[in-house]
């Protein structure tokens, strides 16, 4: 990330890390974390080996979160993420998509008037 090695990034404080990420995330960290985000970070610091689940999709991934497994809620289920260095500076919600890929095929039974002429299996 911006010419920094993994050991350098892990040793960085939040203020130093804030200076090397994108502007939108930089602004979020500058304003301060919400109470829910602080609570999640506190849980992660207390027990980094444990699997944590969260609905906090807007949390910016910071160096303290590297290597942990976290479940991010996508509206239906918790998607399991393992935080890797390429995720730093992004938000948790970017990796737990809320919509499925649409697969179009033949019209369903009783979908329209024209579908009655399509042979059903």
Protein backbone atom coordinates (compact mmCIF):
# COMPACT_ATOMS: atom_id res chain seq x y z
CA UNK A 1 0.00 0.00 0.00
CA UNK A 2 1.62 3.18 -1.32
CA UNK A 3 5.15 1.78 -1.08
CA UNK A 4 4.85 0.63 2.52
CA UNK A 5 5.69 -2.89 3.64
CA UNK A 6 3.41 -5.06 5.76
CA UNK A 7 5.51 -4.62 8.88
CA UNK A 8 5.47 -0.83 8.46
CA UNK A 9 1.71 -0.77 8.04
CA UNK A 10 1.09 -3.03 11.05
CA UNK A 11 3.25 -0.75 13.21
CA UNK A 12 1.45 2.41 12.12
CA UNK A 13 -0.87 4.34 14.33
CA UNK A 14 -4.31 5.35 13.15
CA UNK A 15 -3.17 8.91 12.37
CA UNK A 16 -0.31 7.72 10.14
CA UNK A 17 -2.53 5.20 8.39
CA UNK A 18 -5.15 7.86 7.78
CA UNK A 19 -2.64 9.87 5.73
CA UNK A 20 -2.07 7.11 3.15
CA UNK A 21 -5.68 6.07 2.38
CA UNK A 22 -8.30 7.54 0.04
CA UNK A 23 -9.95 10.84 0.91
CA UNK A 24 -13.43 9.54 1.75
CA UNK A 25 -12.10 7.00 4.25
CA UNK A 26 -9.58 9.54 5.53
CA UNK A 27 -12.43 11.89 6.36
CA UNK A 28 -14.36 9.14 8.18
CA UNK A 29 -11.36 8.34 10.37
CA UNK A 30 -10.64 12.03 10.97
CA UNK A 31 -14.20 12.63 12.23
CA UNK A 32 -13.95 9.64 14.53
CA UNK A 33 -15.56 6.24 14.68
CA UNK A 34 -19.18 5.70 15.71
CA UNK A 35 -20.00 4.00 19.00
CA UNK A 36 -20.85 0.75 17.22
CA UNK A 37 -17.51 0.81 15.34
CA UNK A 38 -15.59 1.51 18.56
CA UNK A 39 -17.36 -1.39 20.23
CA UNK A 40 -16.41 -3.73 17.35
CA UNK A 41 -12.77 -2.59 17.47
CA UNK A 42 -12.68 -3.13 21.22
CA UNK A 43 -13.97 -6.71 20.78
CA UNK A 44 -11.37 -7.38 18.09
CA UNK A 45 -8.52 -6.04 20.24
CA UNK A 46 -9.69 -8.08 23.24
CA UNK A 47 -9.77 -11.40 21.36
CA UNK A 48 -8.27 -11.28 17.83
CA UNK A 49 -8.39 -15.09 17.35
CA UNK A 50 -12.17 -15.26 17.89
CA UNK A 51 -14.67 -15.07 15.00
CA UNK A 52 -16.64 -11.81 15.25
CA UNK A 53 -19.97 -11.07 13.57
CA UNK A 54 -21.11 -7.56 12.74
CA UNK A 55 -23.71 -5.54 10.89
CA UNK A 56 -21.32 -2.59 10.74
CA UNK A 57 -20.80 -2.53 6.97
CA UNK A 58 -19.46 1.04 6.94
CA UNK A 59 -16.42 0.23 9.11
CA UNK A 60 -13.12 1.17 7.43
CA UNK A 61 -10.62 -1.71 7.53
CA UNK A 62 -7.58 -0.60 9.54
CA UNK A 63 -4.23 -2.36 10.21
CA UNK A 64 -5.34 -3.66 13.62
CA UNK A 65 -7.89 -5.85 11.84
CA UNK A 66 -5.36 -7.69 9.64
CA UNK A 67 -5.54 -11.48 9.77
CA UNK A 68 -8.84 -11.76 11.62
CA UNK A 69 -11.97 -13.55 10.42
CA UNK A 70 -15.14 -11.53 10.58
CA UNK A 71 -18.73 -12.16 9.55
CA UNK A 72 -20.36 -9.20 7.78
CA UNK A 73 -24.16 -9.12 7.47
CA UNK A 74 -25.46 -8.71 3.92
CA UNK A 75 -29.16 -8.48 4.78
CA UNK A 76 -29.78 -12.21 4.82
CA UNK A 77 -26.73 -13.96 6.24
CA UNK A 78 -23.25 -13.29 7.57
CA UNK A 79 -20.55 -13.48 4.87
CA UNK A 80 -17.23 -14.71 6.25
CA UNK A 81 -14.25 -12.49 5.43
CA UNK A 82 -10.61 -12.95 6.26
CA UNK A 83 -8.97 -9.53 6.34
CA UNK A 84 -5.94 -9.42 4.02
CA UNK A 85 -3.59 -6.49 3.27
CA UNK A 86 -5.30 -5.62 -0.03
CA UNK A 87 -8.50 -4.82 1.91
CA UNK A 88 -6.91 -2.04 3.98
CA UNK A 89 -8.61 1.31 3.51
CA UNK A 90 -11.80 -0.22 2.11
CA UNK A 91 -15.05 -0.78 3.98
CA UNK A 92 -16.40 -4.11 5.21
CA UNK A 93 -19.58 -3.77 3.16
CA UNK A 94 -17.63 -3.75 -0.10
CA UNK A 95 -16.80 -7.43 0.40
CA UNK A 96 -20.27 -8.65 1.46
CA UNK A 97 -22.51 -7.97 -1.51
CA UNK A 98 -26.21 -7.48 -0.78
CA UNK A 99 -27.58 -8.53 -4.16
CA UNK A 100 -27.25 -11.80 -6.01
CA UNK A 101 -26.27 -12.13 -9.65
CA UNK A 102 -29.44 -12.33 -11.77
CA UNK A 103 -29.68 -15.43 -13.94
CA UNK A 104 -32.25 -15.06 -16.71
CA UNK A 105 -33.66 -18.13 -18.38
CA UNK A 106 -36.99 -19.23 -19.80
CA UNK A 107 -40.12 -17.57 -18.38
CA UNK A 108 -41.64 -19.26 -15.37
CA UNK A 109 -44.91 -21.14 -15.30
CA UNK A 110 -47.79 -18.68 -15.67
CA UNK A 111 -45.50 -15.68 -16.08
CA UNK A 112 -47.23 -14.12 -19.10
CA UNK A 113 -49.75 -15.01 -21.80
CA UNK A 114 -46.94 -15.76 -24.24
CA UNK A 115 -45.33 -18.27 -21.88
CA UNK A 116 -48.12 -20.78 -22.41
CA UNK A 117 -46.67 -21.53 -25.85
CA UNK A 118 -43.26 -22.40 -24.39
CA UNK A 119 -42.98 -26.17 -23.82
CA UNK A 120 -42.68 -26.99 -20.11
CA UNK A 121 -40.45 -29.75 -18.86
